[in-house]
Amino acid sequence: MATQIWAHRGASSKAPENTMEAFEQAVREGADGIELDVHLSADGIPVVIHDSTLERVSGEIGLVHDRTLAQLKRLDVSNPIPGYGIARIPALAEVYELINPTGLIINVEVKSGLTTYPAFEQTLIALERQMGMRGRVFYSSFNPYTLMGLREQDPQAQIGFLYIGGWIDAQQFALRLAANALHPPVYALEEPGFTEDCKRYGIALHTWAVEDERDLLFARRKGVQAVITDRPAYTRELYEKTPLHPVV
């Protein structure tokens, strides 16, 4: 099975991260899926933004959950790409509407670490069903309790445990969570026996943040199901021109 290419916060090397422009660019570049980040607005609407604060992407001071969707929509979040032009924070429903006809997977990273949102899991599962995205959404989170909550809301929800590093026997932890996948950083794939154990246990691997040629080709040779990258077009071109020689 070919390694899928998921666009990290959309095609975020070419358009402001987590915006409709970045997601549209990812579709044009032939990504197999998109990865995005979700918080809740003050009026309880899932909104697509990475940080819990607004400063990095908009220059505004404040917290995402202190503003309504209408207030968030007034912000220009093109800050990471100077001179790009105005870009807005989308509601998750807008992204689902864009992606629904394409067949792409959406990896929703649920941001529930620093901020706790009431009924977050229930809201996300309800929106997935309402927008006709059942089976097309893969939820990931650093917070295992969030993943457990999603599983409680929908026993068929696809969930992946996201982590940075330093975990011993992450495969066993994924089994305890009944997770469909692990979302490790690419360097975790170098742990002896790690990818082999995941394959044996039926745990998919979606690895991040994979940008340079060495890591991209290493992840692919290790047989991961998806790489999460800022540069989907570059990754596709690299894979098409490079023969696959699995790591043994």
C-alpha atoms as a PDB file:
ATOM      1  CA  MET A   1       0.000   0.000   0.000  1.00  0.00           C
ATOM      2  CA  ALA A   2       1.400   3.405  -0.998  1.00  0.00           C
ATOM      3  CA  THR A   3       2.242   5.902   1.716  1.00  0.00           C
ATOM      4  CA  GLN A   4      -0.382   8.641   1.778  1.00  0.00           C
ATOM      5  CA  ILE A   5       0.557  12.317   1.807  1.00  0.00           C
ATOM      6  CA  TRP A   6      -1.334  14.492   4.289  1.00  0.00           C
ATOM      7  CA  ALA A   7      -0.899  18.253   4.048  1.00  0.00           C
ATOM      8  CA  HIS A   8       0.176  19.662   7.424  1.00  0.00           C
ATOM      9  CA  ARG A   9      -2.199  22.536   8.296  1.00  0.00           C
ATOM     10  CA  GLY A  10      -2.930  22.448   4.564  1.00  0.00           C
ATOM     11  CA  ALA A  11      -0.199  23.194   2.048  1.00  0.00           C
ATOM     12  CA  SER A  12       1.262  25.526   4.653  1.00  0.00           C
ATOM     13  CA  SER A  13       4.541  26.147   2.854  1.00  0.00           C
ATOM     14  CA  LYS A  14       2.607  28.096   0.201  1.00  0.00           C
ATOM     15  CA  ALA A  15      -0.419  29.567   2.000  1.00  0.00           C
ATOM     16  CA  PRO A  16      -1.152  30.653   5.592  1.00  0.00           C
ATOM     17  CA  GLU A  17      -1.548  27.606   7.803  1.00  0.00           C
ATOM     18  CA  ASN A  18      -4.989  26.259   8.674  1.00  0.00           C
ATOM     19  CA  THR A  19      -6.811  28.535   6.224  1.00  0.00           C
ATOM     20  CA  MET A  20      -9.137  27.734   3.354  1.00  0.00           C
ATOM     21  CA  GLU A  21      -6.418  28.931   0.994  1.00  0.00           C
ATOM     22  CA  ALA A  22      -3.993  26.337   2.412  1.00  0.00           C
ATOM     23  CA  PHE A  23      -6.573  23.561   2.146  1.00  0.00           C
ATOM     24  CA  GLU A  24      -7.526  24.512  -1.412  1.00  0.00           C
ATOM     25  CA  GLN A  25      -3.831  24.497  -2.313  1.00  0.00           C
ATOM     26  CA  ALA A  26      -3.451  21.014  -0.814  1.00  0.00           C
ATOM     27  CA  VAL A  27      -6.292  19.735  -2.985  1.00  0.00           C
ATOM     28  CA  ARG A  28      -4.670  21.255  -6.081  1.00  0.00           C
ATOM     29  CA  GLU A  29      -1.346  19.657  -5.178  1.00  0.00           C
ATOM     30  CA  GLY A  30      -2.850  16.179  -5.045  1.00  0.00           C
ATOM     31  CA  ALA A  31      -2.640  15.516  -1.314  1.00  0.00           C
ATOM     32  CA  ASP A  32      -4.377  12.372  -0.077  1.00  0.00           C
ATOM     33  CA  GLY A  33      -5.509  14.132   3.071  1.00  0.00           C
ATOM     34  CA  ILE A  34      -5.171  17.261   5.133  1.00  0.00           C
ATOM     35  CA  GLU A  35      -4.184  17.724   8.754  1.00  0.00           C
ATOM     36  CA  LEU A  36      -5.622  20.605  10.769  1.00  0.00           C
ATOM     37  CA  ASP A  37      -6.035  21.815  14.358  1.00  0.00           C
ATOM     38  CA  VAL A  38      -9.290  22.592  16.144  1.00  0.00           C
ATOM     39  CA  HIS A  39     -10.315  24.694  19.154  1.00  0.00           C
ATOM     40  CA  LEU A  40     -13.774  25.850  20.247  1.00  0.00           C
ATOM     41  CA  SER A  41     -14.887  29.473  19.932  1.00  0.00           C
ATOM     42  CA  ALA A  42     -16.679  31.274  22.772  1.00  0.00           C
ATOM     43  CA  ASP A  43     -19.993  30.282  21.175  1.00  0.00           C
ATOM     44  CA  GLY A  44     -19.032  26.606  21.023  1.00  0.00           C
ATOM     45  CA  ILE A  45     -18.161  26.306  17.328  1.00  0.00           C
ATOM     46  CA  PRO A  46     -15.163  24.210  16.216  1.00  0.00           C
ATOM     47  CA  VAL A  47     -12.667  26.586  14.594  1.00  0.00           C
ATOM     48  CA  VAL A  48      -9.464  25.748  12.745  1.00  0.00           C
ATOM     49  CA  ILE A  49      -6.377  27.270  14.343  1.00  0.00           C
ATOM     50  CA  HIS A  50      -3.276  25.725  15.898  1.00  0.00           C
ATOM     51  CA  ASP A  51      -2.514  27.880  18.938  1.00  0.00           C
ATOM     52  CA  SER A  52      -4.827  28.557  21.855  1.00  0.00           C
ATOM     53  CA  THR A  53      -3.694  32.192  21.568  1.00  0.00           C
ATOM     54  CA  LEU A  54      -4.084  34.542  18.611  1.00  0.00           C
ATOM     55  CA  GLU A  55      -0.828  36.456  18.624  1.00  0.00           C
ATOM     56  CA  ARG A  56       1.405  34.325  16.385  1.00  0.00           C
ATOM     57  CA  VAL A  57      -0.933  34.129  13.407  1.00  0.00           C
ATOM     58  CA  SER A  58      -2.830  37.411  13.730  1.00  0.00           C
ATOM     59  CA  GLY A  59      -0.767  39.786  15.888  1.00  0.00           C
ATOM     60  CA  GLU A  60      -3.782  40.155  18.197  1.00  0.00           C
ATOM     61  CA  ILE A  61      -3.516  39.473  21.923  1.00  0.00           C
ATOM     62  CA  GLY A  62      -6.045  37.078  23.397  1.00  0.00           C
ATOM     63  CA  LEU A  63      -7.363  33.533  23.573  1.00  0.00           C
ATOM     64  CA  VAL A  64      -9.324  31.742  20.873  1.00  0.00           C
ATOM     65  CA  HIS A  65     -12.028  30.542  23.257  1.00  0.00           C
ATOM     66  CA  ASP A  66     -12.693  34.098  24.487  1.00  0.00           C
ATOM     67  CA  ARG A  67     -14.005  35.186  21.065  1.00  0.00           C
ATOM     68  CA  THR A  68     -17.061  34.183  19.094  1.00  0.00           C
ATOM     69  CA  LEU A  69     -16.801  32.824  15.579  1.00  0.00           C
ATOM     70  CA  ALA A  70     -17.907  36.198  14.207  1.00  0.00           C
ATOM     71  CA  GLN A  71     -15.156  37.957  16.171  1.00  0.00           C
ATOM     72  CA  LEU A  72     -12.532  35.450  15.074  1.00  0.00           C
ATOM     73  CA  LYS A  73     -13.607  35.887  11.454  1.00  0.00           C
ATOM     74  CA  ARG A  74     -12.594  39.551  11.579  1.00  0.00           C
ATOM     75  CA  LEU A  75      -8.930  38.659  12.175  1.00  0.00           C
ATOM     76  CA  ASP A  76      -6.314  38.419   9.450  1.00  0.00           C
ATOM     77  CA  VAL A  77      -4.301  35.242  10.125  1.00  0.00           C
ATOM     78  CA  SER A  78      -1.800  35.552   7.292  1.00  0.00           C
ATOM     79  CA  ASN A  79       1.029  36.501   9.692  1.00  0.00           C
ATOM     80  CA  PRO A  80       3.240  33.436   9.079  1.00  0.00           C
ATOM     81  CA  ILE A  81       3.517  34.399   5.382  1.00  0.00           C
ATOM     82  CA  PRO A  82       4.189  38.156   5.184  1.00  0.00           C
ATOM     83  CA  GLY A  83       2.628  39.884   2.213  1.00  0.00           C
ATOM     84  CA  TYR A  84       0.317  36.992   1.365  1.00  0.00           C
ATOM     85  CA  GLY A  85      -2.890  38.977   1.714  1.00  0.00           C
ATOM     86  CA  ILE A  86      -5.826  38.618   4.043  1.00  0.00           C
ATOM     87  CA  ALA A  87      -6.699  35.137   5.303  1.00  0.00           C
ATOM     88  CA  ARG A  88      -9.378  34.178   7.800  1.00  0.00           C
ATOM     89  CA  ILE A  89      -9.916  31.529  10.484  1.00  0.00           C
ATOM     90  CA  PRO A  90     -12.343  28.950   9.080  1.00  0.00           C
ATOM     91  CA  ALA A  91     -14.979  27.050  10.972  1.00  0.00           C
ATOM     92  CA  LEU A  92     -14.377  23.301  10.756  1.00  0.00           C
ATOM     93  CA  ALA A  93     -17.713  22.951   8.960  1.00  0.00           C
ATOM     94  CA  GLU A  94     -16.375  25.105   6.105  1.00  0.00           C
ATOM     95  CA  VAL A  95     -13.420  22.762   5.655  1.00  0.00           C
ATOM     96  CA  TYR A  96     -15.688  19.717   5.655  1.00  0.00           C
ATOM     97  CA  GLU A  97     -17.808  21.360   2.964  1.00  0.00           C
ATOM     98  CA  LEU A  98     -14.701  21.964   0.841  1.00  0.00           C
ATOM     99  CA  ILE A  99     -13.228  18.491   1.308  1.00  0.00           C
ATOM    100  CA  ASN A 100     -16.414  16.407   1.201  1.00  0.00           C
ATOM    101  CA  PRO A 101     -16.561  16.093  -2.630  1.00  0.00           C
ATOM    102  CA  THR A 102     -12.829  15.368  -2.978  1.00  0.00           C
ATOM    103  CA  GLY A 103     -12.551  12.040  -1.186  1.00  0.00           C
ATOM    104  CA  LEU A 104      -9.620  13.279   0.920  1.00  0.00           C
ATOM    105  CA  ILE A 105      -9.093  12.207   4.529  1.00  0.00           C
ATOM    106  CA  ILE A 106      -9.140  14.890   7.224  1.00  0.00           C
ATOM    107  CA  ASN A 107      -6.910  14.480  10.266  1.00  0.00           C
ATOM    108  CA  VAL A 108      -8.446  16.644  12.990  1.00  0.00           C
ATOM    109  CA  GLU A 109      -5.955  17.343  15.763  1.00  0.00           C
ATOM    110  CA  VAL A 110      -8.076  18.081  18.820  1.00  0.00           C
ATOM    111  CA  LYS A 111      -6.366  20.816  20.864  1.00  0.00           C
ATOM    112  CA  SER A 112      -7.392  19.966  24.400  1.00  0.00           C
ATOM    113  CA  GLY A 113      -4.209  20.289  26.395  1.00  0.00           C
ATOM    114  CA  LEU A 114      -3.864  23.800  27.795  1.00  0.00           C
ATOM    115  CA  THR A 115      -7.568  24.552  27.428  1.00  0.00           C
ATOM    116  CA  THR A 116     -10.447  22.281  28.415  1.00  0.00           C
ATOM    117  CA  TYR A 117     -13.603  22.684  26.357  1.00  0.00           C
ATOM    118  CA  PRO A 118     -16.951  21.386  27.662  1.00  0.00           C
ATOM    119  CA  ALA A 119     -18.604  18.831  25.336  1.00  0.00           C
ATOM    120  CA  PHE A 120     -15.739  19.126  22.816  1.00  0.00           C
ATOM    121  CA  GLU A 121     -15.829  15.450  21.797  1.00  0.00           C
ATOM    122  CA  GLN A 122     -19.617  15.402  21.518  1.00  0.00           C
ATOM    123  CA  THR A 123     -19.560  18.541  19.353  1.00  0.00           C
ATOM    124  CA  LEU A 124     -16.950  17.105  16.987  1.00  0.00           C
ATOM    125  CA  ILE A 125     -18.690  13.769  16.486  1.00  0.00           C
ATOM    126  CA  ALA A 126     -22.032  15.504  15.912  1.00  0.00           C
ATOM    127  CA  LEU A 127     -20.476  17.777  13.272  1.00  0.00           C
ATOM    128  CA  GLU A 128     -18.819  14.844  11.486  1.00  0.00           C
ATOM    129  CA  ARG A 129     -22.214  13.139  11.174  1.00  0.00           C
ATOM    130  CA  GLN A 130     -24.074  16.311  10.252  1.00  0.00           C
ATOM    131  CA  MET A 131     -21.649  17.143   7.432  1.00  0.00           C
ATOM    132  CA  GLY A 132     -21.650  13.649   5.922  1.00  0.00           C
ATOM    133  CA  MET A 133     -18.007  13.004   6.816  1.00  0.00           C
ATOM    134  CA  ARG A 134     -18.491   9.716   8.662  1.00  0.00           C
ATOM    135  CA  GLY A 135     -15.468   7.510   8.128  1.00  0.00           C
ATOM    136  CA  ARG A 136     -13.449  10.302   6.483  1.00  0.00           C
ATOM    137  CA  VAL A 137     -12.206  11.929   9.700  1.00  0.00           C
ATOM    138  CA  PHE A 138      -9.215  10.749  11.714  1.00  0.00           C
ATOM    139  CA  TYR A 139      -8.942  12.342  15.159  1.00  0.00           C
ATOM    140  CA  SER A 140      -5.564  12.790  16.841  1.00  0.00           C
ATOM    141  CA  SER A 141      -4.592  14.366  20.137  1.00  0.00           C
ATOM    142  CA  PHE A 142      -1.782  14.584  22.669  1.00  0.00           C
ATOM    143  CA  ASN A 143      -4.485  14.125  25.322  1.00  0.00           C
ATOM    144  CA  PRO A 144      -5.467  10.450  25.759  1.00  0.00           C
ATOM    145  CA  TYR A 145      -8.588  11.436  27.706  1.00  0.00           C
ATOM    146  CA  THR A 146      -9.820  13.308  24.645  1.00  0.00           C
ATOM    147  CA  LEU A 147      -9.324  10.211  22.521  1.00  0.00           C
ATOM    148  CA  MET A 148     -11.194   8.120  25.075  1.00  0.00           C
ATOM    149  CA  GLY A 149     -14.020  10.671  25.026  1.00  0.00           C
ATOM    150  CA  LEU A 150     -14.250  10.511  21.241  1.00  0.00           C
ATOM    151  CA  ARG A 151     -14.377   6.720  21.380  1.00  0.00           C
ATOM    152  CA  GLU A 152     -17.184   6.924  23.956  1.00  0.00           C
ATOM    153  CA  GLN A 153     -19.164   9.291  21.723  1.00  0.00           C
ATOM    154  CA  ASP A 154     -18.669   7.049  18.695  1.00  0.00           C
ATOM    155  CA  PRO A 155     -17.270   3.505  19.049  1.00  0.00           C
ATOM    156  CA  GLN A 156     -16.412   3.616  15.339  1.00  0.00           C
ATOM    157  CA  ALA A 157     -14.437   6.876  15.552  1.00  0.00           C
ATOM    158  CA  GLN A 158     -10.937   6.671  14.093  1.00  0.00           C
ATOM    159  CA  ILE A 159      -8.439   7.870  16.683  1.00  0.00           C
ATOM    160  CA  GLY A 160      -4.671   8.261  16.796  1.00  0.00           C
ATOM    161  CA  PHE A 161      -2.434   8.971  19.781  1.00  0.00           C
ATOM    162  CA  LEU A 162      -0.168  11.908  18.982  1.00  0.00           C
ATOM    163  CA  TYR A 163       3.106  12.240  20.848  1.00  0.00           C
ATOM    164  CA  ILE A 164       6.469  13.974  20.680  1.00  0.00           C
ATOM    165  CA  GLY A 165       8.899  11.407  22.048  1.00  0.00           C
ATOM    166  CA  GLY A 166      10.194   9.678  25.137  1.00  0.00           C
ATOM    167  CA  TRP A 167       7.365   7.132  25.231  1.00  0.00           C
ATOM    168  CA  ILE A 168       8.302   3.574  26.090  1.00  0.00           C
ATOM    169  CA  ASP A 169       6.129   0.943  24.411  1.00  0.00           C
ATOM    170  CA  ALA A 170       3.876   3.467  22.694  1.00  0.00           C
ATOM    171  CA  GLN A 171       2.434   0.503  20.799  1.00  0.00           C
ATOM    172  CA  GLN A 172       1.095  -0.989  24.035  1.00  0.00           C
ATOM    173  CA  PHE A 173      -0.381   2.350  25.048  1.00  0.00           C
ATOM    174  CA  ALA A 174      -2.168   2.553  21.685  1.00  0.00           C
ATOM    175  CA  LEU A 175      -3.645  -0.892  22.320  1.00  0.00           C
ATOM    176  CA  ARG A 176      -4.864   0.203  25.765  1.00  0.00           C
ATOM    177  CA  LEU A 177      -6.584   3.192  24.153  1.00  0.00           C
ATOM    178  CA  ALA A 178      -8.030   1.014  21.385  1.00  0.00           C
ATOM    179  CA  ALA A 179      -6.416   3.549  19.048  1.00  0.00           C
ATOM    180  CA  ASN A 180      -6.390   2.925  15.312  1.00  0.00           C
ATOM    181  CA  ALA A 181      -3.035   4.637  14.899  1.00  0.00           C
ATOM    182  CA  LEU A 182      -0.024   6.259  16.449  1.00  0.00           C
ATOM    183  CA  HIS A 183       1.103   9.704  15.291  1.00  0.00           C
ATOM    184  CA  PRO A 184       4.808   9.766  16.197  1.00  0.00           C
ATOM    185  CA  PRO A 185       7.526  12.189  15.129  1.00  0.00           C
ATOM    186  CA  VAL A 186       9.615  10.737  12.327  1.00  0.00           C
ATOM    187  CA  TYR A 187      12.629  10.063  14.566  1.00  0.00           C
ATOM    188  CA  ALA A 188      10.545   7.601  16.623  1.00  0.00           C
ATOM    189  CA  LEU A 189      10.542   5.271  13.619  1.00  0.00           C
ATOM    190  CA  GLU A 190      14.218   4.547  14.299  1.00  0.00           C
ATOM    191  CA  GLU A 191      13.402   2.688  17.540  1.00  0.00           C
ATOM    192  CA  PRO A 192      14.343  -0.971  16.964  1.00  0.00           C
ATOM    193  CA  GLY A 193      11.303  -3.125  16.317  1.00  0.00           C
ATOM    194  CA  PHE A 194       8.860  -0.215  16.579  1.00  0.00           C
ATOM    195  CA  THR A 195       7.356  -0.290  13.085  1.00  0.00           C
ATOM    196  CA  GLU A 196       7.380  -4.089  13.061  1.00  0.00           C
ATOM    197  CA  ASP A 197       5.393  -4.189  16.326  1.00  0.00           C
ATOM    198  CA  CYS A 198       2.863  -1.693  15.000  1.00  0.00           C
ATOM    199  CA  LYS A 199       2.358  -3.780  11.894  1.00  0.00           C
ATOM    200  CA  ARG A 200       1.936  -6.939  13.961  1.00  0.00           C
ATOM    201  CA  TYR A 201      -0.655  -5.279  16.229  1.00  0.00           C
ATOM    202  CA  GLY A 202      -2.525  -3.646  13.349  1.00  0.00           C
ATOM    203  CA  ILE A 203      -1.653  -0.104  14.465  1.00  0.00           C
ATOM    204  CA  ALA A 204      -1.345   2.391  11.606  1.00  0.00           C
ATOM    205  CA  LEU A 205       1.467   4.952  11.621  1.00  0.00           C
ATOM    206  CA  HIS A 206       0.925   8.573  10.567  1.00  0.00           C
ATOM    207  CA  THR A 207       4.209  10.372  11.106  1.00  0.00           C
ATOM    208  CA  TRP A 208       5.078  14.079  11.310  1.00  0.00           C
ATOM    209  CA  ALA A 209       6.539  16.640  10.627  1.00  0.00           C
ATOM    210  CA  VAL A 210       8.269  15.218   7.615  1.00  0.00           C
ATOM    211  CA  GLU A 211       9.900  17.829   5.356  1.00  0.00           C
ATOM    212  CA  ASP A 212      13.389  16.954   4.111  1.00  0.00           C
ATOM    213  CA  GLU A 213      14.209  14.283   1.561  1.00  0.00           C
ATOM    214  CA  ARG A 214      15.977  11.969   3.998  1.00  0.00           C
ATOM    215  CA  ASP A 215      13.082  11.836   6.466  1.00  0.00           C
ATOM    216  CA  LEU A 216      10.452  11.572   3.754  1.00  0.00           C
ATOM    217  CA  LEU A 217      12.129   8.622   2.097  1.00  0.00           C
ATOM    218  CA  PHE A 218      12.991   6.989   5.440  1.00  0.00           C
ATOM    219  CA  ALA A 219       9.365   7.169   6.616  1.00  0.00           C
ATOM    220  CA  ARG A 220       8.154   5.762   3.323  1.00  0.00           C
ATOM    221  CA  ARG A 221      10.650   2.882   3.416  1.00  0.00           C
ATOM    222  CA  LYS A 222       9.559   2.060   6.969  1.00  0.00           C
ATOM    223  CA  GLY A 223       6.071   1.449   5.597  1.00  0.00           C
ATOM    224  CA  VAL A 224       4.096   4.177   7.385  1.00  0.00           C
ATOM    225  CA  GLN A 225       0.545   4.671   6.205  1.00  0.00           C
ATOM    226  CA  ALA A 226       0.813   8.474   5.980  1.00  0.00           C
ATOM    227  CA  VAL A 227       3.386  11.258   6.194  1.00  0.00           C
ATOM    228  CA  ILE A 228       2.232  14.673   7.396  1.00  0.00           C
ATOM    229  CA  THR A 229       4.119  17.385   5.524  1.00  0.00           C
ATOM    230  CA  ASP A 230       3.957  21.110   4.728  1.00  0.00           C
ATOM    231  CA  ARG A 231       4.918  20.334   1.117  1.00  0.00           C
ATOM    232  CA  PRO A 232       2.555  17.813  -0.469  1.00  0.00           C
ATOM    233  CA  ALA A 233       3.491  18.569  -4.087  1.00  0.00           C
ATOM    234  CA  TYR A 234       7.221  18.224  -3.378  1.00  0.00           C
ATOM    235  CA  THR A 235       6.596  14.965  -1.509  1.00  0.00           C
ATOM    236  CA  ARG A 236       4.505  13.537  -4.343  1.00  0.00           C
ATOM    237  CA  GLU A 237       7.192  14.415  -6.882  1.00  0.00           C
ATOM    238  CA  LEU A 238       9.897  12.896  -4.691  1.00  0.00           C
ATOM    239  CA  TYR A 239       7.979   9.645  -4.241  1.00  0.00           C
ATOM    240  CA  GLU A 240       7.182   9.321  -7.936  1.00  0.00           C
ATOM    241  CA  LYS A 241      10.820   9.631  -8.992  1.00  0.00           C
ATOM    242  CA  THR A 242      12.357   7.488  -6.220  1.00  0.00           C
ATOM    243  CA  PRO A 243      12.179   3.654  -6.256  1.00  0.00           C
ATOM    244  CA  LEU A 244      10.909   2.144  -3.023  1.00  0.00           C
ATOM    245  CA  HIS A 245      13.492   0.061  -1.144  1.00  0.00           C
ATOM    246  CA  PRO A 246      11.984  -0.985   2.207  1.00  0.00           C
ATOM    247  CA  VAL A 247      14.116  -0.722   5.329  1.00  0.00           C
ATOM    248  CA  VAL A 248      14.874  -4.156   6.754  1.00  0.00           C
END
